[in-house]
Amino acid sequence: MNEKEMPKEELKKQIREYLDKRKVLVLCTCNNNIPRATPMDFYTEKDSFNIYVGPAPGRKVKNIEQNPNISIGIYTPLSEGKIQGMQITASGKNRLMLLKEGDTEFEKAQKIVRGRRKLILKIIPEKIELLDYDFIKDGYSRLQVLEL
């Protein structure tokens, strides 16, 4: 099996293209060893890999407040004929920011997220793993990892 890493700039380009093609993620939170996986629409900044979601108040928000460690899954449906998927991890209140009206970054985030929101979660990824079996055709490992 090929374990060759893709050059960092090429990997960033692949990640950007993948994120731009997708609209739904699964946000995974956990509290007291009880996981919660929530499908949500998402938006990204064009000049970074920061992700924005507009969560309705509920269990996932409480989980993040009590346990600021999340995982995100984004996948390509098998009906598209490809085996592709992305996992993003972020932890800590400096990487998971719940923005409310009046917060410094709220208006900037509101311009990125479609529809007026009362609460916006800004996620600054620390690790992005991109799985794509097509990478093998170019001589790279099917799993590429970007640490941020």
N, C-alpha and C. Protein backbone atom coordinates (compact mmCIF):
# COMPACT_ATOMS: atom_id res chain seq x y z
N MET A 1 0.84 -1.18 0.00
CA MET A 1 0.00 0.00 0.00
C MET A 1 0.89 1.25 0.00
N ASN A 2 0.53 2.21 -0.82
CA ASN A 2 1.31 3.44 -0.93
C ASN A 2 1.00 4.36 0.25
N GLU A 3 2.04 4.83 0.92
CA GLU A 3 1.87 5.73 2.07
C GLU A 3 2.41 7.12 1.77
N LYS A 4 2.57 7.44 0.49
CA LYS A 4 3.18 8.71 0.10
C LYS A 4 2.27 9.89 0.41
N GLU A 5 2.86 10.90 1.06
CA GLU A 5 2.11 12.11 1.38
C GLU A 5 2.07 13.03 0.18
N MET A 6 0.95 13.67 0.00
CA MET A 6 0.77 14.66 -1.04
C MET A 6 1.46 15.95 -0.59
N PRO A 7 2.07 16.71 -1.51
CA PRO A 7 2.62 18.01 -1.11
C PRO A 7 1.54 18.88 -0.45
N LYS A 8 1.93 19.62 0.58
CA LYS A 8 0.97 20.37 1.40
C LYS A 8 0.07 21.31 0.58
N GLU A 9 0.63 22.03 -0.36
CA GLU A 9 -0.18 22.97 -1.15
C GLU A 9 -1.20 22.23 -2.02
N GLU A 10 -0.80 21.07 -2.57
CA GLU A 10 -1.72 20.26 -3.36
C GLU A 10 -2.85 19.72 -2.47
N LEU A 11 -2.49 19.28 -1.25
CA LEU A 11 -3.49 18.77 -0.32
C LEU A 11 -4.48 19.87 0.05
N LYS A 12 -3.98 21.07 0.31
CA LYS A 12 -4.87 22.19 0.64
C LYS A 12 -5.84 22.46 -0.51
N LYS A 13 -5.36 22.37 -1.74
CA LYS A 13 -6.20 22.57 -2.92
C LYS A 13 -7.28 21.49 -2.99
N GLN A 14 -6.90 20.23 -2.74
CA GLN A 14 -7.85 19.12 -2.76
C GLN A 14 -8.92 19.29 -1.67
N ILE A 15 -8.49 19.73 -0.48
CA ILE A 15 -9.42 19.95 0.63
C ILE A 15 -10.40 21.06 0.27
N ARG A 16 -9.90 22.16 -0.27
CA ARG A 16 -10.76 23.28 -0.65
C ARG A 16 -11.80 22.84 -1.68
N GLU A 17 -11.36 22.10 -2.71
CA GLU A 17 -12.28 21.63 -3.74
C GLU A 17 -13.35 20.71 -3.14
N TYR A 18 -12.93 19.85 -2.23
CA TYR A 18 -13.88 18.92 -1.60
C TYR A 18 -14.92 19.70 -0.78
N LEU A 19 -14.45 20.63 0.05
CA LEU A 19 -15.37 21.42 0.87
C LEU A 19 -16.33 22.24 0.01
N ASP A 20 -15.82 22.78 -1.09
CA ASP A 20 -16.67 23.62 -1.96
C ASP A 20 -17.78 22.81 -2.63
N LYS A 21 -17.58 21.50 -2.81
CA LYS A 21 -18.59 20.65 -3.46
C LYS A 21 -19.65 20.14 -2.49
N ARG A 22 -19.40 20.23 -1.21
CA ARG A 22 -20.29 19.66 -0.21
C ARG A 22 -21.07 20.75 0.52
N LYS A 23 -22.26 20.38 0.98
CA LYS A 23 -23.11 21.34 1.69
C LYS A 23 -23.55 20.85 3.07
N VAL A 24 -23.39 19.54 3.34
CA VAL A 24 -23.87 18.96 4.60
C VAL A 24 -22.74 18.25 5.31
N LEU A 25 -22.67 18.45 6.61
CA LEU A 25 -21.71 17.72 7.45
C LEU A 25 -22.48 17.04 8.56
N VAL A 26 -21.79 16.14 9.26
CA VAL A 26 -22.35 15.54 10.47
C VAL A 26 -21.46 16.01 11.62
N LEU A 27 -22.04 16.79 12.51
CA LEU A 27 -21.32 17.34 13.67
C LEU A 27 -21.48 16.36 14.82
N CYS A 28 -20.36 15.87 15.33
CA CYS A 28 -20.39 14.90 16.43
C CYS A 28 -19.88 15.56 17.70
N THR A 29 -20.73 15.55 18.71
CA THR A 29 -20.39 16.09 20.02
C THR A 29 -20.57 14.96 21.04
N CYS A 30 -20.10 15.21 22.25
CA CYS A 30 -20.23 14.18 23.28
C CYS A 30 -20.28 14.85 24.65
N ASN A 31 -21.07 14.26 25.53
CA ASN A 31 -21.08 14.70 26.91
C ASN A 31 -21.46 13.51 27.79
N ASN A 32 -20.74 13.33 28.88
CA ASN A 32 -20.96 12.20 29.79
C ASN A 32 -20.97 10.88 29.03
N ASN A 33 -20.05 10.73 28.08
CA ASN A 33 -19.91 9.51 27.27
C ASN A 33 -21.15 9.20 26.43
N ILE A 34 -21.98 10.20 26.18
CA ILE A 34 -23.14 10.02 25.31
C ILE A 34 -22.89 10.84 24.04
N PRO A 35 -22.59 10.17 22.92
CA PRO A 35 -22.32 10.90 21.68
C PRO A 35 -23.61 11.37 21.01
N ARG A 36 -23.48 12.43 20.23
CA ARG A 36 -24.61 12.95 19.45
C ARG A 36 -24.07 13.34 18.08
N ALA A 37 -24.68 12.83 17.02
CA ALA A 37 -24.28 13.13 15.65
C ALA A 37 -25.44 13.87 14.98
N THR A 38 -25.16 15.09 14.51
CA THR A 38 -26.21 15.94 13.96
C THR A 38 -25.86 16.38 12.54
N PRO A 39 -26.65 16.00 11.54
CA PRO A 39 -26.43 16.51 10.18
C PRO A 39 -26.82 17.99 10.14
N MET A 40 -25.97 18.79 9.48
CA MET A 40 -26.20 20.24 9.40
C MET A 40 -25.66 20.78 8.10
N ASP A 41 -26.26 21.86 7.60
CA ASP A 41 -25.65 22.55 6.47
C ASP A 41 -24.46 23.35 7.00
N PHE A 42 -23.48 23.59 6.13
CA PHE A 42 -22.29 24.31 6.58
C PHE A 42 -21.78 25.25 5.50
N TYR A 43 -20.97 26.18 5.95
CA TYR A 43 -20.38 27.21 5.09
C TYR A 43 -18.92 27.36 5.48
N THR A 44 -18.07 27.71 4.50
CA THR A 44 -16.65 27.88 4.80
C THR A 44 -16.19 29.27 4.38
N GLU A 45 -15.14 29.73 5.04
CA GLU A 45 -14.46 30.95 4.61
C GLU A 45 -13.66 30.61 3.37
N LYS A 46 -13.57 31.52 2.45
CA LYS A 46 -12.84 31.25 1.20
C LYS A 46 -11.32 31.27 1.39
N ASP A 47 -10.84 31.99 2.40
CA ASP A 47 -9.39 32.11 2.58
C ASP A 47 -8.85 31.25 3.73
N SER A 48 -9.69 30.35 4.23
CA SER A 48 -9.25 29.45 5.30
C SER A 48 -10.13 28.21 5.26
N PHE A 49 -9.90 27.29 6.17
CA PHE A 49 -10.74 26.11 6.27
C PHE A 49 -11.74 26.22 7.41
N ASN A 50 -11.91 27.44 7.94
CA ASN A 50 -12.88 27.65 9.02
C ASN A 50 -14.28 27.32 8.52
N ILE A 51 -15.04 26.67 9.39
CA ILE A 51 -16.38 26.20 9.05
C ILE A 51 -17.38 26.90 9.96
N TYR A 52 -18.52 27.24 9.37
CA TYR A 52 -19.59 27.89 10.12
C TYR A 52 -20.87 27.09 9.99
N VAL A 53 -21.54 26.89 11.11
CA VAL A 53 -22.86 26.27 11.12
C VAL A 53 -23.77 27.12 12.00
N GLY A 54 -25.05 27.06 11.72
CA GLY A 54 -26.03 27.81 12.51
C GLY A 54 -26.85 26.86 13.34
N PRO A 55 -26.35 26.45 14.50
CA PRO A 55 -27.08 25.46 15.29
C PRO A 55 -28.29 26.06 16.00
N ALA A 56 -29.38 25.30 15.99
CA ALA A 56 -30.51 25.68 16.82
C ALA A 56 -30.12 25.31 18.26
N PRO A 57 -30.57 26.10 19.23
CA PRO A 57 -30.25 25.74 20.61
C PRO A 57 -30.72 24.32 20.91
N GLY A 58 -29.92 23.58 21.62
CA GLY A 58 -30.29 22.20 21.93
C GLY A 58 -29.12 21.44 22.52
N ARG A 59 -29.23 20.13 22.45
CA ARG A 59 -28.24 19.25 23.07
C ARG A 59 -26.83 19.47 22.52
N LYS A 60 -26.69 19.63 21.20
CA LYS A 60 -25.34 19.77 20.62
C LYS A 60 -24.63 21.02 21.16
N VAL A 61 -25.39 22.12 21.33
CA VAL A 61 -24.80 23.36 21.86
C VAL A 61 -24.38 23.15 23.31
N LYS A 62 -25.25 22.52 24.09
CA LYS A 62 -24.91 22.24 25.50
C LYS A 62 -23.68 21.33 25.58
N ASN A 63 -23.63 20.32 24.69
CA ASN A 63 -22.48 19.43 24.68
C ASN A 63 -21.19 20.20 24.42
N ILE A 64 -21.20 21.09 23.43
CA ILE A 64 -19.99 21.87 23.09
C ILE A 64 -19.60 22.76 24.26
N GLU A 65 -20.58 23.36 24.93
CA GLU A 65 -20.28 24.22 26.08
C GLU A 65 -19.64 23.42 27.21
N GLN A 66 -20.08 22.18 27.40
CA GLN A 66 -19.56 21.35 28.48
C GLN A 66 -18.34 20.54 28.08
N ASN A 67 -18.22 20.22 26.80
CA ASN A 67 -17.11 19.39 26.31
C ASN A 67 -16.71 19.91 24.92
N PRO A 68 -15.78 20.88 24.88
CA PRO A 68 -15.42 21.50 23.60
C PRO A 68 -14.47 20.64 22.75
N ASN A 69 -14.91 19.44 22.43
CA ASN A 69 -14.19 18.54 21.53
C ASN A 69 -15.20 18.00 20.53
N ILE A 70 -14.93 18.24 19.24
CA ILE A 70 -15.88 17.79 18.23
C ILE A 70 -15.15 17.06 17.11
N SER A 71 -15.93 16.31 16.39
CA SER A 71 -15.48 15.65 15.17
C SER A 71 -16.55 15.92 14.13
N ILE A 72 -16.11 16.11 12.91
CA ILE A 72 -17.04 16.37 11.81
C ILE A 72 -16.79 15.33 10.73
N GLY A 73 -17.86 14.78 10.21
CA GLY A 73 -17.77 13.88 9.07
C GLY A 73 -18.46 14.51 7.86
N ILE A 74 -17.79 14.46 6.72
CA ILE A 74 -18.37 14.91 5.45
C ILE A 74 -18.07 13.80 4.46
N TYR A 75 -19.08 13.36 3.72
CA TYR A 75 -18.83 12.22 2.85
C TYR A 75 -19.42 12.44 1.47
N THR A 76 -18.92 11.66 0.54
CA THR A 76 -19.46 11.61 -0.81
C THR A 76 -20.40 10.41 -0.87
N PRO A 77 -21.66 10.63 -1.26
CA PRO A 77 -22.57 9.49 -1.36
C PRO A 77 -22.02 8.43 -2.32
N LEU A 78 -22.16 7.16 -1.97
CA LEU A 78 -21.65 6.08 -2.81
C LEU A 78 -22.28 6.10 -4.19
N SER A 79 -23.45 6.70 -4.31
CA SER A 79 -24.13 6.78 -5.61
C SER A 79 -23.31 7.59 -6.63
N GLU A 80 -22.36 8.39 -6.14
CA GLU A 80 -21.50 9.16 -7.05
C GLU A 80 -20.35 8.31 -7.60
N GLY A 81 -20.23 7.08 -7.12
CA GLY A 81 -19.22 6.17 -7.66
C GLY A 81 -17.81 6.41 -7.17
N LYS A 82 -17.66 7.12 -6.07
CA LYS A 82 -16.33 7.38 -5.51
C LYS A 82 -16.33 7.00 -4.04
N ILE A 83 -15.16 6.63 -3.57
CA ILE A 83 -14.99 6.40 -2.14
C ILE A 83 -14.19 7.59 -1.62
N GLN A 84 -14.91 8.53 -1.02
CA GLN A 84 -14.31 9.76 -0.51
C GLN A 84 -14.98 10.14 0.80
N GLY A 85 -14.20 10.73 1.67
CA GLY A 85 -14.76 11.24 2.91
C GLY A 85 -13.76 12.12 3.62
N MET A 86 -14.27 12.95 4.50
CA MET A 86 -13.41 13.87 5.24
C MET A 86 -13.79 13.81 6.70
N GLN A 87 -12.77 13.86 7.54
CA GLN A 87 -12.98 13.96 8.98
C GLN A 87 -12.21 15.18 9.46
N ILE A 88 -12.87 16.00 10.25
CA ILE A 88 -12.25 17.21 10.79
C ILE A 88 -12.37 17.13 12.30
N THR A 89 -11.28 17.45 13.00
CA THR A 89 -11.34 17.50 14.46
C THR A 89 -10.94 18.89 14.93
N ALA A 90 -11.57 19.30 16.01
CA ALA A 90 -11.26 20.58 16.65
C ALA A 90 -11.59 20.45 18.13
N SER A 91 -10.76 21.06 18.95
CA SER A 91 -11.03 21.00 20.38
C SER A 91 -10.59 22.29 21.05
N GLY A 92 -11.31 22.63 22.09
CA GLY A 92 -10.99 23.82 22.87
C GLY A 92 -11.86 25.00 22.48
N LYS A 93 -12.12 25.85 23.46
CA LYS A 93 -12.98 27.01 23.23
C LYS A 93 -12.34 28.03 22.27
N ASN A 94 -11.03 27.95 22.08
CA ASN A 94 -10.40 28.85 21.11
C ASN A 94 -10.59 28.37 19.67
N ARG A 95 -11.04 27.13 19.48
CA ARG A 95 -11.31 26.59 18.14
C ARG A 95 -12.80 26.38 17.87
N LEU A 96 -13.61 26.41 18.93
CA LEU A 96 -15.07 26.24 18.81
C LEU A 96 -15.72 27.45 19.45
N MET A 97 -16.14 28.40 18.62
CA MET A 97 -16.67 29.66 19.13
C MET A 97 -18.15 29.78 18.84
N LEU A 98 -18.95 29.87 19.88
CA LEU A 98 -20.39 30.10 19.75
C LEU A 98 -20.59 31.61 19.70
N LEU A 99 -20.92 32.12 18.52
CA LEU A 99 -21.06 33.56 18.31
C LEU A 99 -22.52 33.97 18.39
N LYS A 100 -22.77 35.04 19.16
CA LYS A 100 -24.13 35.59 19.30
C LYS A 100 -24.11 37.05 18.85
N GLU A 101 -25.29 37.55 18.53
CA GLU A 101 -25.38 38.96 18.14
C GLU A 101 -24.70 39.83 19.18
N GLY A 102 -23.89 40.77 18.71
CA GLY A 102 -23.16 41.63 19.64
C GLY A 102 -21.70 41.18 19.79
N ASP A 103 -21.41 39.91 19.51
CA ASP A 103 -20.02 39.43 19.56
C ASP A 103 -19.25 40.03 18.39
N THR A 104 -17.97 40.23 18.58
CA THR A 104 -17.11 40.87 17.58
C THR A 104 -17.21 40.22 16.21
N GLU A 105 -17.16 38.90 16.14
CA GLU A 105 -17.12 38.21 14.85
C GLU A 105 -18.50 37.82 14.30
N PHE A 106 -19.56 38.12 15.04
CA PHE A 106 -20.88 37.64 14.64
C PHE A 106 -21.30 38.17 13.27
N GLU A 107 -21.17 39.47 13.03
CA GLU A 107 -21.63 40.04 11.75
C GLU A 107 -20.84 39.48 10.57
N LYS A 108 -19.53 39.30 10.75
CA LYS A 108 -18.71 38.69 9.69
C LYS A 108 -19.22 37.27 9.40
N ALA A 109 -19.47 36.50 10.45
CA ALA A 109 -19.96 35.13 10.30
C ALA A 109 -21.35 35.12 9.66
N GLN A 110 -22.20 36.07 10.03
CA GLN A 110 -23.56 36.14 9.48
C GLN A 110 -23.53 36.36 7.97
N LYS A 111 -22.50 37.04 7.47
CA LYS A 111 -22.37 37.27 6.02
C LYS A 111 -21.96 35.99 5.29
N ILE A 112 -21.35 35.05 5.99
CA ILE A 112 -20.91 33.79 5.39
C ILE A 112 -22.05 32.76 5.40
N VAL A 113 -22.82 32.75 6.49
CA VAL A 113 -23.90 31.78 6.68
C VAL A 113 -25.17 32.31 6.05
N ARG A 114 -25.86 31.49 5.26
CA ARG A 114 -27.13 31.90 4.65
C ARG A 114 -28.25 31.92 5.67
N GLY A 115 -29.09 32.92 5.59
CA GLY A 115 -30.23 33.02 6.51
C GLY A 115 -29.83 33.68 7.81
N ARG A 116 -30.71 34.45 8.36
CA ARG A 116 -30.43 35.15 9.63
C ARG A 116 -30.40 34.12 10.76
N ARG A 117 -29.35 34.14 11.54
CA ARG A 117 -29.18 33.19 12.66
C ARG A 117 -29.07 33.94 13.98
N LYS A 118 -29.51 33.31 15.03
CA LYS A 118 -29.33 33.87 16.38
C LYS A 118 -28.00 33.41 16.98
N LEU A 119 -27.54 32.26 16.53
CA LEU A 119 -26.31 31.66 17.05
C LEU A 119 -25.55 31.04 15.89
N ILE A 120 -24.24 31.28 15.85
CA ILE A 120 -23.39 30.71 14.80
C ILE A 120 -22.19 30.06 15.49
N LEU A 121 -21.92 28.82 15.11
CA LEU A 121 -20.74 28.12 15.61
C LEU A 121 -19.63 28.24 14.58
N LYS A 122 -18.52 28.85 15.00
CA LYS A 122 -17.33 28.94 14.15
C LYS A 122 -16.38 27.84 14.60
N ILE A 123 -15.97 27.02 13.64
CA ILE A 123 -15.09 25.90 13.93
C ILE A 123 -13.76 26.14 13.21
N ILE A 124 -12.68 26.18 13.97
CA ILE A 124 -11.35 26.33 13.41
C ILE A 124 -10.68 24.95 13.50
N PRO A 125 -10.60 24.24 12.36
CA PRO A 125 -10.07 22.87 12.40
C PRO A 125 -8.62 22.82 12.88
N GLU A 126 -8.30 21.75 13.61
CA GLU A 126 -6.91 21.50 13.96
C GLU A 126 -6.33 20.37 13.12
N LYS A 127 -7.21 19.50 12.62
CA LYS A 127 -6.76 18.39 11.79
C LYS A 127 -7.85 18.07 10.77
N ILE A 128 -7.42 17.92 9.51
CA ILE A 128 -8.34 17.54 8.44
C ILE A 128 -7.78 16.29 7.79
N GLU A 129 -8.60 15.23 7.77
CA GLU A 129 -8.20 13.98 7.12
C GLU A 129 -9.10 13.80 5.90
N LEU A 130 -8.47 13.65 4.74
CA LEU A 130 -9.21 13.48 3.50
C LEU A 130 -8.88 12.11 2.92
N LEU A 131 -9.92 11.30 2.79
CA LEU A 131 -9.78 9.96 2.22
C LEU A 131 -10.33 10.00 0.80
N ASP A 132 -9.51 9.58 -0.16
CA ASP A 132 -9.96 9.54 -1.56
C ASP A 132 -9.18 8.44 -2.26
N TYR A 133 -9.88 7.40 -2.66
CA TYR A 133 -9.20 6.28 -3.32
C TYR A 133 -8.60 6.68 -4.66
N ASP A 134 -9.06 7.78 -5.26
CA ASP A 134 -8.47 8.26 -6.50
C ASP A 134 -7.04 8.77 -6.31
N PHE A 135 -6.65 9.12 -5.09
CA PHE A 135 -5.27 9.58 -4.83
C PHE A 135 -4.25 8.51 -5.21
N ILE A 136 -4.66 7.24 -5.10
CA ILE A 136 -3.76 6.12 -5.41
C ILE A 136 -3.31 6.19 -6.86
N LYS A 137 -4.20 6.62 -7.76
CA LYS A 137 -3.86 6.74 -9.18
C LYS A 137 -2.70 7.70 -9.42
N ASP A 138 -2.56 8.69 -8.51
CA ASP A 138 -1.48 9.67 -8.64
C ASP A 138 -0.26 9.30 -7.80
N GLY A 139 -0.27 8.09 -7.24
CA GLY A 139 0.88 7.62 -6.47
C GLY A 139 0.90 8.03 -5.01
N TYR A 140 -0.24 8.54 -4.50
CA TYR A 140 -0.31 8.96 -3.11
C TYR A 140 -1.13 7.99 -2.28
N SER A 141 -0.93 8.06 -0.97
CA SER A 141 -1.76 7.30 -0.05
C SER A 141 -3.20 7.78 -0.17
N ARG A 142 -4.16 6.86 -0.03
CA ARG A 142 -5.57 7.25 -0.13
C ARG A 142 -6.01 8.14 1.01
N LEU A 143 -5.28 8.12 2.14
CA LEU A 143 -5.60 8.98 3.28
C LEU A 143 -4.52 10.05 3.42
N GLN A 144 -4.95 11.29 3.34
CA GLN A 144 -4.03 12.42 3.50
C GLN A 144 -4.47 13.23 4.72
N VAL A 145 -3.49 13.70 5.50
CA VAL A 145 -3.78 14.41 6.74
C VAL A 145 -3.12 15.79 6.73
N LEU A 146 -3.90 16.80 7.07
CA LEU A 146 -3.38 18.17 7.20
C LEU A 146 -3.55 18.60 8.64
N GLU A 147 -2.44 18.85 9.30
CA GLU A 147 -2.46 19.37 10.69
C GLU A 147 -2.39 20.89 10.59
N LEU A 148 -3.28 21.55 11.29
CA LEU A 148 -3.32 23.03 11.23
C LEU A 148 -2.95 23.66 12.57
